[in-house]
C-alpha atoms as a PDB file:
ATOM      1  CA  UNK A   1      94.467  35.068 108.877  1.00  0.00           C
ATOM      2  CA  UNK A   2      95.430  33.309 112.128  1.00  0.00           C
ATOM      3  CA  UNK A   3      98.648  34.195 113.891  1.00  0.00           C
ATOM      4  CA  UNK A   4     101.682  31.926 113.401  1.00  0.00           C
ATOM      5  CA  UNK A   5     100.624  30.778 109.922  1.00  0.00           C
ATOM      6  CA  UNK A   6     103.068  31.524 107.124  1.00  0.00           C
ATOM      7  CA  UNK A   7     101.706  32.383 103.705  1.00  0.00           C
ATOM      8  CA  UNK A   8     104.066  29.932 102.148  1.00  0.00           C
ATOM      9  CA  UNK A   9     102.394  27.118 104.131  1.00  0.00           C
ATOM     10  CA  UNK A  10      99.002  27.823 102.572  1.00  0.00           C
ATOM     11  CA  UNK A  11      97.759  26.136  99.448  1.00  0.00           C
ATOM     12  CA  UNK A  12      98.040  28.251  96.288  1.00  0.00           C
ATOM     13  CA  UNK A  13      94.391  29.428  96.073  1.00  0.00           C
ATOM     14  CA  UNK A  14      94.281  30.408  99.777  1.00  0.00           C
ATOM     15  CA  UNK A  15      97.704  32.021  99.637  1.00  0.00           C
ATOM     16  CA  UNK A  16      96.696  34.255  96.699  1.00  0.00           C
ATOM     17  CA  UNK A  17      93.471  35.224  98.475  1.00  0.00           C
ATOM     18  CA  UNK A  18      95.386  36.098 101.648  1.00  0.00           C
ATOM     19  CA  UNK A  19      97.880  38.247  99.739  1.00  0.00           C
ATOM     20  CA  UNK A  20      95.061  40.163  98.067  1.00  0.00           C
ATOM     21  CA  UNK A  21      93.451  40.742 101.472  1.00  0.00           C
ATOM     22  CA  UNK A  22      96.746  42.068 102.904  1.00  0.00           C
ATOM     23  CA  UNK A  23      97.298  44.444  99.943  1.00  0.00           C
ATOM     24  CA  UNK A  24      93.716  45.683 100.228  1.00  0.00           C
ATOM     25  CA  UNK A  25      94.173  46.399 103.942  1.00  0.00           C
ATOM     26  CA  UNK A  26      97.471  48.224 103.317  1.00  0.00           C
ATOM     27  CA  UNK A  27      95.846  50.398 100.637  1.00  0.00           C
ATOM     28  CA  UNK A  28      92.948  51.228 102.972  1.00  0.00           C
ATOM     29  CA  UNK A  29      95.344  52.306 105.716  1.00  0.00           C
ATOM     30  CA  UNK A  30      97.405  54.382 103.246  1.00  0.00           C
ATOM     31  CA  UNK A  31      94.234  56.098 101.963  1.00  0.00           C
ATOM     32  CA  UNK A  32      93.086  56.871 105.526  1.00  0.00           C
ATOM     33  CA  UNK A  33      96.511  58.272 106.346  1.00  0.00           C
ATOM     34  CA  UNK A  34      96.450  60.473 103.227  1.00  0.00           C
ATOM     35  CA  UNK A  35      92.930  61.770 104.009  1.00  0.00           C
ATOM     36  CA  UNK A  36      93.959  62.639 107.561  1.00  0.00           C
ATOM     37  CA  UNK A  37      97.038  64.516 106.271  1.00  0.00           C
ATOM     38  CA  UNK A  38      94.932  66.468 103.737  1.00  0.00           C
ATOM     39  CA  UNK A  39      92.327  67.301 106.377  1.00  0.00           C
ATOM     40  CA  UNK A  40      95.043  68.505 108.753  1.00  0.00           C
ATOM     41  CA  UNK A  41      96.680  70.653 106.037  1.00  0.00           C
ATOM     42  CA  UNK A  42      93.311  72.189 105.071  1.00  0.00           C
ATOM     43  CA  UNK A  43      92.540  72.983 108.696  1.00  0.00           C
ATOM     44  CA  UNK A  44      95.957  74.637 109.093  1.00  0.00           C
ATOM     45  CA  UNK A  45      95.480  76.683 105.899  1.00  0.00           C
ATOM     46  CA  UNK A  46      92.060  77.931 107.055  1.00  0.00           C
ATOM     47  CA  UNK A  47      93.506  78.866 110.425  1.00  0.00           C
ATOM     48  CA  UNK A  48      96.319  80.861 108.759  1.00  0.00           C
ATOM     49  CA  UNK A  49      93.801  82.574 106.447  1.00  0.00           C
ATOM     50  CA  UNK A  50      91.635  83.635 109.420  1.00  0.00           C
ATOM     51  CA  UNK A  51      94.738  84.887 111.215  1.00  0.00           C
ATOM     52  CA  UNK A  52      95.828  86.911 108.139  1.00  0.00           C
ATOM     53  CA  UNK A  53      92.363  88.462 107.737  1.00  0.00           C
ATOM     54  CA  UNK A  54      92.294  89.405 111.401  1.00  0.00           C
ATOM     55  CA  UNK A  55      95.743  91.053 111.145  1.00  0.00           C
ATOM     56  CA  UNK A  56      94.687  92.937 107.993  1.00  0.00           C
ATOM     57  CA  UNK A  57      91.525  94.171 109.703  1.00  0.00           C
ATOM     58  CA  UNK A  58      93.512  95.368 112.728  1.00  0.00           C
ATOM     59  CA  UNK A  59      96.060  97.140 110.512  1.00  0.00           C
ATOM     60  CA  UNK A  60      93.282  98.856 108.547  1.00  0.00           C
ATOM     61  CA  UNK A  61      91.611  99.996 111.756  1.00  0.00           C
ATOM     62  CA  UNK A  62      94.915 101.422 113.004  1.00  0.00           C
ATOM     63  CA  UNK A  63      95.472 103.491 109.840  1.00  0.00           C
ATOM     64  CA  UNK A  64      94.649 107.203 110.204  1.00  0.00           C
ATOM     65  CA  UNK A  65      91.532 108.189 108.317  1.00  0.00           C
ATOM     66  CA  UNK A  66      92.319 110.619 105.525  1.00  0.00           C
ATOM     67  CA  UNK A  67      89.580 112.799 104.158  1.00  0.00           C
ATOM     68  CA  UNK A  68      89.817 113.006 100.398  1.00  0.00           C
ATOM     69  CA  UNK A  69      89.158 116.470  99.108  1.00  0.00           C
ATOM     70  CA  UNK A  70      86.587 116.579  96.399  1.00  0.00           C
ATOM     71  CA  UNK A  71      87.685 118.038  93.128  1.00  0.00           C
ATOM     72  CA  UNK A  72      86.814 121.675  92.719  1.00  0.00           C
ATOM     73  CA  UNK A  73      83.859 122.147  90.413  1.00  0.00           C
ATOM     74  CA  UNK A  74      84.884 124.229  87.400  1.00  0.00           C
ATOM     75  CA  UNK A  75      83.334 127.648  86.967  1.00  0.00           C
ATOM     76  CA  UNK A  76      79.935 127.299  85.259  1.00  0.00           C
ATOM     77  CA  UNK A  77      80.561 123.503  85.282  1.00  0.00           C
ATOM     78  CA  UNK A  78      82.688 123.576  82.125  1.00  0.00           C
ATOM     79  CA  UNK A  79      85.106 120.765  81.333  1.00  0.00           C
ATOM     80  CA  UNK A  80      88.698 121.793  80.644  1.00  0.00           C
ATOM     81  CA  UNK A  81      90.065 120.891  77.206  1.00  0.00           C
ATOM     82  CA  UNK A  82      93.731 120.586  76.195  1.00  0.00           C
ATOM     83  CA  UNK A  83      94.876 121.428  72.689  1.00  0.00           C
ATOM     84  CA  UNK A  84      98.620 121.134  72.188  1.00  0.00           C
ATOM     85  CA  UNK A  85     100.355 123.094  74.943  1.00  0.00           C
ATOM     86  CA  UNK A  86      97.230 125.105  75.864  1.00  0.00           C
ATOM     87  CA  UNK A  87      94.478 124.190  78.321  1.00  0.00           C
ATOM     88  CA  UNK A  88      91.128 125.890  77.767  1.00  0.00           C
ATOM     89  CA  UNK A  89      88.290 126.343  80.253  1.00  0.00           C
ATOM     90  CA  UNK A  90      85.757 124.819  77.865  1.00  0.00           C
ATOM     91  CA  UNK A  91      85.363 123.067  74.523  1.00  0.00           C
ATOM     92  CA  UNK A  92      83.663 126.201  73.168  1.00  0.00           C
ATOM     93  CA  UNK A  93      86.775 128.252  73.973  1.00  0.00           C
ATOM     94  CA  UNK A  94      89.084 125.639  72.424  1.00  0.00           C
ATOM     95  CA  UNK A  95      87.002 125.487  69.224  1.00  0.00           C
ATOM     96  CA  UNK A  96      86.965 129.276  68.967  1.00  0.00           C
ATOM     97  CA  UNK A  97      90.746 129.346  69.328  1.00  0.00           C
ATOM     98  CA  UNK A  98      91.089 126.909  66.411  1.00  0.00           C
ATOM     99  CA  UNK A  99      88.833 129.168  64.300  1.00  0.00           C
ATOM    100  CA  UNK A 100      90.858 132.289  65.133  1.00  0.00           C
ATOM    101  CA  UNK A 101      94.149 130.537  64.338  1.00  0.00           C
ATOM    102  CA  UNK A 102      92.802 129.732  60.859  1.00  0.00           C
ATOM    103  CA  UNK A 103      91.592 133.333  60.394  1.00  0.00           C
ATOM    104  CA  UNK A 104      95.049 134.606  61.381  1.00  0.00           C
ATOM    105  CA  UNK A 105      96.708 132.260  58.865  1.00  0.00           C
ATOM    106  CA  UNK A 106      94.382 133.619  56.159  1.00  0.00           C
ATOM    107  CA  UNK A 107      95.340 137.189  57.098  1.00  0.00           C
ATOM    108  CA  UNK A 108      91.805 138.168  58.141  1.00  0.00           C
ATOM    109  CA  UNK A 109      92.950 138.947  61.708  1.00  0.00           C
ATOM    110  CA  UNK A 110      96.371 139.797  63.157  1.00  0.00           C
ATOM    111  CA  UNK A 111      98.280 139.590  66.458  1.00  0.00           C
ATOM    112  CA  UNK A 112      96.154 136.886  68.062  1.00  0.00           C
ATOM    113  CA  UNK A 113      96.689 136.693  71.839  1.00  0.00           C
ATOM    114  CA  UNK A 114      95.249 134.247  74.363  1.00  0.00           C
ATOM    115  CA  UNK A 115      94.492 134.883  78.046  1.00  0.00           C
ATOM    116  CA  UNK A 116      95.589 138.510  78.006  1.00  0.00           C
ATOM    117  CA  UNK A 117      95.302 140.319  81.345  1.00  0.00           C
ATOM    118  CA  UNK A 118      93.930 143.847  81.716  1.00  0.00           C
ATOM    119  CA  UNK A 119      94.222 145.911  84.902  1.00  0.00           C
ATOM    120  CA  UNK A 120      90.842 147.319  85.969  1.00  0.00           C
ATOM    121  CA  UNK A 121      91.493 148.579  89.496  1.00  0.00           C
ATOM    122  CA  UNK A 122      95.043 148.786  90.888  1.00  0.00           C
ATOM    123  CA  UNK A 123      95.916 147.395  94.297  1.00  0.00           C
ATOM    124  CA  UNK A 124      95.413 149.822  97.177  1.00  0.00           C
ATOM    125  CA  UNK A 125      97.933 150.276  99.968  1.00  0.00           C
ATOM    126  CA  UNK A 126      98.102 152.122 103.252  1.00  0.00           C
ATOM    127  CA  UNK A 127     101.328 153.992 103.988  1.00  0.00           C
ATOM    128  CA  UNK A 128     102.665 153.537 107.501  1.00  0.00           C
ATOM    129  CA  UNK A 129     105.445 155.818 108.745  1.00  0.00           C
ATOM    130  CA  UNK A 130     108.446 154.029 110.231  1.00  0.00           C
ATOM    131  CA  UNK A 131     111.195 155.360 112.500  1.00  0.00           C
ATOM    132  CA  UNK A 132     114.548 153.894 113.450  1.00  0.00           C
ATOM    133  CA  UNK A 133     115.987 153.456 116.960  1.00  0.00           C
ATOM    134  CA  UNK A 134     117.436 156.955 116.862  1.00  0.00           C
ATOM    135  CA  UNK A 135     114.019 158.377 116.052  1.00  0.00           C
ATOM    136  CA  UNK A 136     114.994 159.181 112.489  1.00  0.00           C
ATOM    137  CA  UNK A 137     112.299 158.474 109.937  1.00  0.00           C
ATOM    138  CA  UNK A 138     113.106 155.596 107.623  1.00  0.00           C
ATOM    139  CA  UNK A 139     111.421 154.179 104.545  1.00  0.00           C
ATOM    140  CA  UNK A 140     107.645 154.021 104.912  1.00  0.00           C
ATOM    141  CA  UNK A 141     105.929 150.652 104.966  1.00  0.00           C
ATOM    142  CA  UNK A 142     103.214 149.802 102.451  1.00  0.00           C
ATOM    143  CA  UNK A 143     100.385 147.598 103.755  1.00  0.00           C
ATOM    144  CA  UNK A 144      98.052 146.028 101.214  1.00  0.00           C
ATOM    145  CA  UNK A 145      94.414 146.941 101.839  1.00  0.00           C
ATOM    146  CA  UNK A 146      92.739 145.791  98.635  1.00  0.00           C
ATOM    147  CA  UNK A 147      94.133 143.507  95.952  1.00  0.00           C
ATOM    148  CA  UNK A 148      94.105 144.569  92.310  1.00  0.00           C
ATOM    149  CA  UNK A 149      91.174 143.698  90.076  1.00  0.00           C
ATOM    150  CA  UNK A 150      91.979 142.314  86.633  1.00  0.00           C
ATOM    151  CA  UNK A 151      90.126 140.922  83.670  1.00  0.00           C
ATOM    152  CA  UNK A 152      91.655 138.078  81.659  1.00  0.00           C
ATOM    153  CA  UNK A 153      90.393 138.098  78.079  1.00  0.00           C
ATOM    154  CA  UNK A 154      89.976 134.778  76.306  1.00  0.00           C
ATOM    155  CA  UNK A 155      91.193 136.221  72.988  1.00  0.00           C
ATOM    156  CA  UNK A 156      92.558 139.556  71.778  1.00  0.00           C
ATOM    157  CA  UNK A 157      93.368 140.297  68.150  1.00  0.00           C
ATOM    158  CA  UNK A 158      93.483 143.054  65.553  1.00  0.00           C
ATOM    159  CA  UNK A 159      90.923 143.262  62.764  1.00  0.00           C
ATOM    160  CA  UNK A 160      90.809 146.128  60.276  1.00  0.00           C
ATOM    161  CA  UNK A 161      92.995 148.138  62.629  1.00  0.00           C
ATOM    162  CA  UNK A 162      90.651 147.723  65.622  1.00  0.00           C
ATOM    163  CA  UNK A 163      91.430 145.799  68.817  1.00  0.00           C
ATOM    164  CA  UNK A 164      88.882 143.052  69.397  1.00  0.00           C
ATOM    165  CA  UNK A 165      88.505 141.457  72.831  1.00  0.00           C
ATOM    166  CA  UNK A 166      86.502 138.231  72.913  1.00  0.00           C
ATOM    167  CA  UNK A 167      85.079 136.230  75.786  1.00  0.00           C
ATOM    168  CA  UNK A 168      83.673 132.738  75.151  1.00  0.00           C
ATOM    169  CA  UNK A 169      80.357 132.598  76.952  1.00  0.00           C
ATOM    170  CA  UNK A 170      78.105 129.610  76.448  1.00  0.00           C
ATOM    171  CA  UNK A 171      76.214 130.369  79.651  1.00  0.00           C
ATOM    172  CA  UNK A 172      74.492 133.713  80.155  1.00  0.00           C
ATOM    173  CA  UNK A 173      72.397 133.881  83.287  1.00  0.00           C
ATOM    174  CA  UNK A 174      72.318 137.324  84.945  1.00  0.00           C
ATOM    175  CA  UNK A 175      71.159 135.685  88.176  1.00  0.00           C
ATOM    176  CA  UNK A 176      74.338 133.601  88.474  1.00  0.00           C
ATOM    177  CA  UNK A 177      77.251 135.011  90.496  1.00  0.00           C
ATOM    178  CA  UNK A 178      79.981 134.180  87.907  1.00  0.00           C
ATOM    179  CA  UNK A 179      78.101 135.900  85.076  1.00  0.00           C
ATOM    180  CA  UNK A 180      77.252 138.908  87.269  1.00  0.00           C
ATOM    181  CA  UNK A 181      80.957 139.217  88.096  1.00  0.00           C
ATOM    182  CA  UNK A 182      81.787 139.115  84.380  1.00  0.00           C
ATOM    183  CA  UNK A 183      79.214 141.829  83.614  1.00  0.00           C
ATOM    184  CA  UNK A 184      80.836 144.099  86.213  1.00  0.00           C
ATOM    185  CA  UNK A 185      84.271 143.550  84.658  1.00  0.00           C
ATOM    186  CA  UNK A 186      82.820 144.094  81.200  1.00  0.00           C
ATOM    187  CA  UNK A 187      81.593 147.524  82.299  1.00  0.00           C
ATOM    188  CA  UNK A 188      84.943 148.359  83.866  1.00  0.00           C
ATOM    189  CA  UNK A 189      86.743 147.367  80.650  1.00  0.00           C
ATOM    190  CA  UNK A 190      84.645 149.898  78.739  1.00  0.00           C
ATOM    191  CA  UNK A 191      85.095 152.593  81.409  1.00  0.00           C
ATOM    192  CA  UNK A 192      88.832 152.129  82.012  1.00  0.00           C
ATOM    193  CA  UNK A 193      90.153 151.001  78.624  1.00  0.00           C
ATOM    194  CA  UNK A 194      87.360 152.047  76.269  1.00  0.00           C
ATOM    195  CA  UNK A 195      87.083 148.451  75.017  1.00  0.00           C
ATOM    196  CA  UNK A 196      83.774 146.692  74.467  1.00  0.00           C
ATOM    197  CA  UNK A 197      84.021 142.949  75.094  1.00  0.00           C
ATOM    198  CA  UNK A 198      82.520 140.746  72.398  1.00  0.00           C
ATOM    199  CA  UNK A 199      80.751 137.702  73.817  1.00  0.00           C
ATOM    200  CA  UNK A 200      80.880 134.662  71.526  1.00  0.00           C
END
């Protein structure tokens, strides 16, 4: 539309056509403006995201590296089992405990004990003489040389007046160190206490 011409001066058909053209142009400009704003906002968001990732990467790199200790492998690779307030070294041991509890309730066995400790070899100490400032001898000092050796029985109970000591053993390999250690303690139990361990 030429400059200086008022819409009101145009005939009706041309005036309506001119108005439509003006509205169309305004909408096009508004759409372009909106697209530019969206593009600018998206660009800003991406920039902030890159900045956040960079900061996170730097913070992670600055953190001291902590070595996570691996869980200790249970003896003979057994899985611990909890029954009530007791934690057993294996399912076999837990099942045997349930059996013995029933036998005790039926009166077949008596005085059931769990994890009872027996002393096999006492601790050994070296006596060191001590003297005070005046040269007078004071109480001697005991220095530990060898720790005590004990055997912890899985179950101990009375049956027909005899003391029975049980050890739950699902794995019997004489070549393995844990079983060889048990065999040595089994022999010491018989030598020291006169008790033969029953393996179940």
